[in-house]
N, C-alpha and C. Protein backbone atom coordinates (compact mmCIF):
# COMPACT_ATOMS: atom_id res chain seq x y z
N MET A 1 146.90 92.27 20.40
CA MET A 1 146.15 92.64 19.23
C MET A 1 146.29 94.10 18.88
N ILE A 2 146.29 94.47 17.73
CA ILE A 2 146.53 96.00 17.04
C ILE A 2 145.52 96.62 16.37
N SER A 3 145.17 97.83 16.40
CA SER A 3 143.74 97.97 15.89
C SER A 3 144.62 99.97 15.81
N ARG A 4 144.07 99.93 14.50
CA ARG A 4 144.42 101.52 14.29
C ARG A 4 145.52 101.92 14.71
N GLY A 5 146.84 101.22 14.79
CA GLY A 5 148.18 101.46 14.92
C GLY A 5 148.34 101.10 16.74
N ILE A 6 147.29 100.80 17.56
CA ILE A 6 147.41 100.64 19.11
C ILE A 6 147.34 99.34 19.14
N ALA A 7 148.44 99.24 20.15
CA ALA A 7 148.58 97.44 20.53
C ALA A 7 147.62 97.51 21.92
N TYR A 8 147.15 96.54 22.09
CA TYR A 8 146.07 96.16 23.13
C TYR A 8 146.38 94.65 23.94
N HIS A 9 146.46 94.96 25.05
CA HIS A 9 146.84 93.85 25.74
C HIS A 9 145.57 93.12 26.60
N LEU A 10 144.83 92.34 25.81
CA LEU A 10 143.67 91.83 26.35
C LEU A 10 143.33 91.78 27.69
N ASP A 11 144.42 91.11 28.43
CA ASP A 11 144.20 90.83 29.89
C ASP A 11 144.02 92.05 30.75
N THR A 12 144.73 93.22 30.25
CA THR A 12 144.16 94.75 30.86
C THR A 12 143.34 95.41 30.46
N LEU A 13 142.08 94.89 29.83
CA LEU A 13 140.84 95.30 29.50
C LEU A 13 139.86 95.14 30.40
N GLN A 14 138.71 95.61 30.21
CA GLN A 14 137.42 95.06 30.96
C GLN A 14 137.14 94.22 30.16
N SER A 15 136.49 92.81 30.72
CA SER A 15 136.14 91.91 29.84
C SER A 15 135.16 91.10 30.52
N LEU A 16 134.29 90.36 29.89
CA LEU A 16 133.30 89.43 30.54
C LEU A 16 133.63 88.05 29.68
N VAL A 17 133.74 87.08 30.43
CA VAL A 17 133.70 85.81 29.88
C VAL A 17 132.18 84.77 30.22
N ALA A 18 132.12 84.28 28.92
CA ALA A 18 131.09 82.99 29.27
C ALA A 18 131.63 81.69 29.66
N GLN A 19 131.10 80.66 30.31
CA GLN A 19 131.72 79.55 31.00
C GLN A 19 130.16 79.13 30.95
N GLU A 20 130.79 77.79 31.07
CA GLU A 20 129.64 76.25 31.02
C GLU A 20 130.66 75.63 31.83
N GLY A 21 129.74 75.00 33.06
CA GLY A 21 130.68 74.03 33.82
C GLY A 21 132.10 74.19 33.72
N GLY A 22 132.47 75.57 34.11
CA GLY A 22 133.90 75.68 34.21
C GLY A 22 134.98 75.89 33.43
N THR A 23 134.24 75.46 31.83
CA THR A 23 135.00 76.01 30.77
C THR A 23 134.46 77.24 30.18
N ASN A 24 135.58 77.65 29.44
CA ASN A 24 135.40 78.91 28.94
C ASN A 24 134.56 78.89 27.60
N LEU A 25 133.90 79.42 27.40
CA LEU A 25 133.34 79.29 26.28
C LEU A 25 133.31 80.58 25.02
N GLY A 26 134.06 81.89 25.56
CA GLY A 26 134.06 82.97 24.74
C GLY A 26 134.53 84.21 25.86
N ALA A 27 134.51 85.37 25.23
CA ALA A 27 134.99 86.51 26.01
C ALA A 27 134.74 87.89 25.43
N VAL A 28 134.25 88.64 25.88
CA VAL A 28 134.56 90.10 24.71
C VAL A 28 135.40 91.29 25.87
N ASN A 29 136.16 91.83 25.48
CA ASN A 29 136.87 93.23 25.98
C ASN A 29 136.78 94.26 25.33
N TRP A 30 136.66 94.97 26.27
CA TRP A 30 136.68 96.77 25.81
C TRP A 30 137.22 97.35 26.30
N MET A 31 137.64 98.60 25.77
CA MET A 31 137.58 99.93 26.90
C MET A 31 137.17 101.21 26.70
N LEU A 32 137.03 101.72 28.34
CA LEU A 32 136.11 102.78 28.17
C LEU A 32 137.02 104.01 27.70
N ASN A 33 136.21 105.08 26.98
CA ASN A 33 137.15 106.37 26.90
C ASN A 33 135.87 107.46 26.64
N PRO A 34 135.00 107.62 27.70
CA PRO A 34 133.72 108.24 28.05
C PRO A 34 134.02 109.43 26.96
N PRO A 35 132.96 110.06 26.12
CA PRO A 35 131.65 109.34 25.76
C PRO A 35 131.28 108.25 25.25
N GLN A 36 132.45 107.72 24.71
CA GLN A 36 132.19 106.36 24.18
C GLN A 36 132.80 105.05 24.70
N ALA A 37 132.87 103.97 24.16
CA ALA A 37 133.44 102.45 24.53
C ALA A 37 133.83 102.16 23.27
N GLU A 38 135.07 101.21 23.12
CA GLU A 38 135.47 100.48 21.93
C GLU A 38 135.58 99.07 22.47
N ILE A 39 134.51 98.29 21.80
CA ILE A 39 134.79 96.66 21.89
C ILE A 39 135.85 96.30 20.92
N ILE A 40 137.18 95.68 21.83
CA ILE A 40 138.40 95.52 21.26
C ILE A 40 138.35 94.22 20.79
N SER A 41 137.61 93.35 21.31
CA SER A 41 137.86 91.75 20.87
C SER A 41 136.42 90.63 21.30
N LEU A 42 136.02 90.29 20.47
CA LEU A 42 135.07 89.05 20.89
C LEU A 42 135.26 87.89 20.25
N ASN A 43 135.08 86.75 21.13
CA ASN A 43 135.29 85.63 20.66
C ASN A 43 134.57 84.50 21.55
N ALA A 44 133.70 83.91 20.44
CA ALA A 44 133.23 82.64 21.10
C ALA A 44 133.70 81.44 20.17
N LEU A 45 134.02 80.51 21.20
CA LEU A 45 134.64 79.57 20.94
C LEU A 45 133.72 78.24 20.33
N VAL A 46 132.65 78.39 20.52
CA VAL A 46 131.42 77.70 19.85
C VAL A 46 130.35 78.50 19.08
N GLU A 47 130.48 78.17 18.27
CA GLU A 47 129.39 79.18 16.90
C GLU A 47 128.07 78.38 17.17
N GLY A 48 127.37 79.10 16.93
CA GLY A 48 125.99 78.86 16.83
C GLY A 48 124.97 78.71 18.13
N ARG A 49 125.59 79.02 19.33
CA ARG A 49 124.83 78.66 20.38
C ARG A 49 124.48 79.83 20.93
N GLY A 50 124.46 81.53 20.40
CA GLY A 50 124.26 82.60 20.93
C GLY A 50 125.20 83.36 21.88
N ILE A 51 126.32 82.63 21.89
CA ILE A 51 127.41 83.02 23.15
C ILE A 51 127.92 84.30 22.72
N GLY A 52 128.47 84.33 21.36
CA GLY A 52 128.73 86.01 21.06
C GLY A 52 127.61 87.14 21.46
N THR A 53 126.23 86.72 20.86
CA THR A 53 125.04 87.69 21.14
C THR A 53 124.93 87.72 22.61
N ALA A 54 125.02 86.96 23.71
CA ALA A 54 124.89 87.15 24.51
C ALA A 54 125.99 88.09 25.54
N LEU A 55 127.39 87.73 24.96
CA LEU A 55 128.55 88.49 25.31
C LEU A 55 128.23 90.25 25.22
N MET A 56 128.02 90.22 23.89
CA MET A 56 127.75 91.59 23.22
C MET A 56 126.39 92.28 24.24
N ALA A 57 125.43 91.79 24.40
CA ALA A 57 124.27 92.29 25.10
C ALA A 57 125.02 92.69 26.51
N LYS A 58 125.57 91.87 27.13
CA LYS A 58 126.09 91.86 28.53
C LYS A 58 126.85 93.02 28.78
N ALA A 59 127.84 93.35 27.60
CA ALA A 59 128.66 94.16 27.69
C ALA A 59 128.33 95.65 26.92
N GLU A 60 127.18 95.66 26.68
CA GLU A 60 126.42 96.96 25.83
C GLU A 60 125.67 97.57 27.20
N ASP A 61 125.05 96.35 28.22
CA ASP A 61 124.79 96.82 29.75
C ASP A 61 125.31 97.40 30.10
N PHE A 62 126.55 96.92 30.53
CA PHE A 62 127.73 97.58 31.03
C PHE A 62 128.20 98.98 30.71
N ILE A 63 128.18 98.55 29.82
CA ILE A 63 128.61 100.17 28.96
C ILE A 63 127.99 101.06 29.18
N GLN A 64 126.53 100.74 28.87
CA GLN A 64 125.46 101.92 28.81
C GLN A 64 125.33 102.49 30.42
N ALA A 65 125.56 101.64 31.61
CA ALA A 65 125.18 101.77 33.04
C ALA A 65 126.44 103.01 32.95
N THR A 66 127.57 102.91 32.46
CA THR A 66 128.67 103.75 32.77
C THR A 66 128.65 105.35 32.10
N GLY A 67 127.74 105.06 31.29
CA GLY A 67 127.21 106.45 31.04
C GLY A 67 127.69 107.12 29.53
N CYS A 68 128.22 106.08 28.96
CA CYS A 68 128.73 106.14 27.73
C CYS A 68 127.49 106.21 26.81
N THR A 69 127.74 106.85 25.64
CA THR A 69 126.41 106.95 24.53
C THR A 69 126.69 106.38 23.31
N LYS A 70 128.15 105.82 22.91
CA LYS A 70 128.56 105.31 21.73
C LYS A 70 129.54 104.20 21.78
N ILE A 71 128.94 103.09 21.15
CA ILE A 71 130.04 101.87 21.20
C ILE A 71 130.55 102.00 19.84
N THR A 72 131.96 101.54 19.94
CA THR A 72 132.61 101.34 18.25
C THR A 72 133.45 100.28 18.44
N LEU A 73 134.02 99.54 17.02
CA LEU A 73 134.49 98.27 16.97
C LEU A 73 135.15 98.50 15.73
N ILE A 74 135.96 97.33 15.74
CA ILE A 74 136.90 97.32 14.40
C ILE A 74 136.91 96.17 13.80
N THR A 75 136.83 95.97 12.91
CA THR A 75 136.90 94.68 12.23
C THR A 75 137.52 94.58 11.07
N SER A 76 138.04 93.51 10.48
CA SER A 76 138.70 93.66 9.26
C SER A 76 138.12 93.35 7.71
N ASN A 77 138.71 93.82 6.57
CA ASN A 77 137.74 93.98 5.44
C ASN A 77 137.81 92.19 4.88
N ASP A 78 138.38 91.57 5.50
CA ASP A 78 137.60 90.33 5.31
C ASP A 78 136.85 89.07 5.86
N ASN A 79 136.69 89.81 7.27
CA ASN A 79 135.57 88.96 8.23
C ASN A 79 134.08 89.48 7.96
N LEU A 80 133.95 88.82 6.92
CA LEU A 80 132.40 88.98 6.32
C LEU A 80 131.50 88.47 7.53
N THR A 81 131.77 87.05 8.14
CA THR A 81 130.83 86.90 9.14
C THR A 81 130.80 87.88 10.23
N ALA A 82 131.78 88.40 10.71
CA ALA A 82 131.51 89.38 11.86
C ALA A 82 130.99 90.85 11.24
N LEU A 83 131.09 91.36 10.09
CA LEU A 83 130.44 92.42 9.58
C LEU A 83 128.98 92.01 9.81
N ALA A 84 128.49 90.90 9.44
CA ALA A 84 127.13 90.56 9.26
C ALA A 84 126.55 90.49 10.79
N PHE A 85 127.47 89.81 11.44
CA PHE A 85 126.95 89.44 13.03
C PHE A 85 126.84 91.06 13.61
N TYR A 86 127.72 92.19 13.40
CA TYR A 86 127.67 93.12 14.06
C TYR A 86 126.27 94.08 13.63
N GLN A 87 126.42 94.17 12.49
CA GLN A 87 125.41 95.05 11.75
C GLN A 87 123.89 94.20 12.09
N LYS A 88 123.62 93.30 12.13
CA LYS A 88 122.36 92.51 12.61
C LYS A 88 122.21 93.11 14.02
N ARG A 89 122.94 93.49 14.76
CA ARG A 89 122.89 94.04 16.04
C ARG A 89 122.76 95.45 16.46
N GLY A 90 122.95 96.23 15.02
CA GLY A 90 122.86 97.59 14.94
C GLY A 90 123.61 98.22 14.70
N TYR A 91 125.07 97.80 14.70
CA TYR A 91 126.36 98.39 14.22
C TYR A 91 125.95 98.91 12.95
N ARG A 92 126.80 100.14 12.93
CA ARG A 92 126.64 100.42 11.02
C ARG A 92 128.17 101.18 11.00
N ILE A 93 128.51 101.10 9.69
CA ILE A 93 129.98 100.97 9.23
C ILE A 93 130.00 102.97 9.45
N ASP A 94 130.96 103.14 9.96
CA ASP A 94 131.24 104.63 10.27
C ASP A 94 132.49 104.87 9.93
N ALA A 95 133.36 104.13 9.34
CA ALA A 95 134.71 104.72 8.82
C ALA A 95 135.19 103.43 7.82
N ILE A 96 136.10 103.66 7.23
CA ILE A 96 137.07 102.94 6.60
C ILE A 96 138.52 103.16 6.74
N PHE A 97 139.29 102.66 7.14
CA PHE A 97 140.98 102.70 7.32
C PHE A 97 141.47 101.97 6.24
N PRO A 98 141.64 102.47 5.06
CA PRO A 98 142.66 101.48 3.83
C PRO A 98 143.90 101.57 4.47
N GLY A 99 144.41 100.25 4.41
CA GLY A 99 145.92 100.07 4.63
C GLY A 99 146.21 100.00 5.86
N ALA A 100 145.36 100.16 6.68
CA ALA A 100 145.62 99.64 8.37
C ALA A 100 146.16 98.54 8.50
N ILE A 101 145.73 97.46 8.17
CA ILE A 101 145.97 96.38 8.21
C ILE A 101 147.51 95.89 7.90
N ASP A 102 147.96 96.26 6.62
CA ASP A 102 148.96 96.60 6.16
C ASP A 102 150.00 97.06 6.80
N ALA A 103 149.76 98.61 7.64
CA ALA A 103 150.56 99.12 8.56
C ALA A 103 150.88 98.03 9.48
N ALA A 104 149.74 97.42 10.64
CA ALA A 104 149.98 96.80 11.67
C ALA A 104 150.64 95.49 11.57
N ARG A 105 150.81 94.81 10.01
CA ARG A 105 151.39 94.13 9.66
C ARG A 105 153.22 94.14 10.01
N ARG A 106 153.28 95.46 9.89
CA ARG A 106 154.80 95.84 10.09
C ARG A 106 155.34 95.59 11.56
N LYS A 107 154.19 95.98 12.10
CA LYS A 107 154.61 95.83 14.00
C LYS A 107 154.29 94.34 14.61
N LYS A 108 153.49 93.64 13.49
CA LYS A 108 153.17 91.98 13.93
C LYS A 108 153.17 91.18 12.64
N PRO A 109 154.40 90.66 12.22
CA PRO A 109 154.34 90.49 11.02
C PRO A 109 153.59 88.67 10.98
N SER A 110 152.98 88.19 11.80
CA SER A 110 152.40 87.10 11.99
C SER A 110 150.79 87.43 11.50
N ILE A 111 150.35 88.61 10.95
CA ILE A 111 149.05 89.00 10.25
C ILE A 111 148.98 88.45 8.90
N PRO A 112 147.82 87.26 8.44
CA PRO A 112 148.49 86.93 7.34
C PRO A 112 147.79 87.66 6.50
N LEU A 113 148.23 87.64 5.06
CA LEU A 113 148.16 88.61 4.24
C LEU A 113 146.89 88.25 3.47
N ILE A 114 146.67 86.79 3.44
CA ILE A 114 145.14 86.74 2.95
C ILE A 114 144.39 85.77 3.73
N ALA A 115 142.91 85.81 3.77
CA ALA A 115 142.14 85.07 4.89
C ALA A 115 141.93 83.95 4.47
N ASP A 116 141.25 83.05 5.09
CA ASP A 116 141.05 81.51 5.10
C ASP A 116 140.22 81.50 3.91
N ASN A 117 139.04 82.70 3.73
CA ASN A 117 138.11 82.60 2.42
C ASN A 117 138.69 83.27 1.56
N GLY A 118 139.93 83.37 1.19
CA GLY A 118 140.69 83.89 -0.05
C GLY A 118 140.56 85.33 0.00
N ILE A 119 139.95 86.25 0.76
CA ILE A 119 139.93 87.49 0.62
C ILE A 119 141.36 88.19 1.17
N PRO A 120 142.28 89.09 0.62
CA PRO A 120 143.37 89.71 1.02
C PRO A 120 142.70 90.55 1.78
N ILE A 121 143.58 90.76 2.95
CA ILE A 121 143.44 91.39 3.90
C ILE A 121 144.25 92.81 4.15
N HIS A 122 143.76 94.06 4.01
CA HIS A 122 144.27 95.06 4.09
C HIS A 122 143.76 96.04 4.71
N ASP A 123 142.23 96.30 5.11
CA ASP A 123 141.71 97.23 5.70
C ASP A 123 141.31 97.30 6.95
N GLU A 124 140.96 98.06 7.80
CA GLU A 124 139.76 97.85 8.66
C GLU A 124 138.61 98.72 8.67
N ILE A 125 137.55 98.34 9.27
CA ILE A 125 136.47 98.81 9.15
C ILE A 125 135.98 99.17 10.39
N LEU A 126 135.60 100.39 10.69
CA LEU A 126 134.74 100.79 12.24
C LEU A 126 133.66 101.22 12.07
N LEU A 127 133.20 99.92 12.79
CA LEU A 127 131.14 100.04 13.01
C LEU A 127 131.20 100.82 14.44
N ALA A 128 130.02 101.66 14.31
CA ALA A 128 129.28 102.09 15.42
C ALA A 128 128.07 102.00 16.03
N LYS A 129 127.71 102.15 17.03
CA LYS A 129 126.02 101.90 17.47
C LYS A 129 125.99 102.89 18.60
N SER A 130 124.90 103.84 18.73
CA SER A 130 124.13 104.41 19.83
C SER A 130 124.26 103.34 20.92
N VAL A 131 124.43 103.69 22.17
CA VAL A 131 124.22 102.78 23.50
C VAL A 131 122.86 103.08 23.60
N GLY A 132 122.35 101.99 24.05
CA GLY A 132 120.78 101.65 24.19
C GLY A 132 120.00 101.65 22.77
N GLU A 133 120.47 101.64 21.87
CA GLU A 133 119.48 101.44 20.63
C GLU A 133 118.97 100.00 20.66
N GLN A 134 117.97 99.73 20.58
CA GLN A 134 117.23 98.46 20.52
C GLN A 134 117.12 97.64 19.28
N VAL A 135 117.66 96.82 19.12
CA VAL A 135 117.65 96.04 17.58
C VAL A 135 117.57 94.47 17.71
N SER A 136 116.86 93.64 17.21
CA SER A 136 116.52 92.45 17.25
C SER A 136 117.97 91.69 17.06
N ARG A 137 117.84 90.86 18.18
CA ARG A 137 119.23 90.16 17.94
C ARG A 137 118.72 88.55 17.80
N ASN A 138 117.79 88.31 16.77
CA ASN A 138 117.77 87.01 16.39
C ASN A 138 118.85 86.47 15.13
């Protein structure tokens, strides 16, 4: 995974995995950099069952227990579902990095130019949340 020009190997990061009957249903990976933490990846293999919500809640609880005061994450300009998901959970747009994905594409040419929804993929959006902020997770 490449974010803001940094290559991450998910297997080296802290993570939680959701399982049911020995089958992986999703995972969240993060990196601590006190006083903040960054969610690097969130994947739910089945949508609509609350897997992503549960993983984020557990990750936020763990991060809060470490004393971090802020959680950040990056998504791409085309990922409208992720933008809605995170904003519903209290994350707010903190910065936009125009052309960041174009730059990442030079390192990782497999990054598509256009998303399945037809939106050209160019920019990264940084979202942030104060740790412990209570938001409805419905």
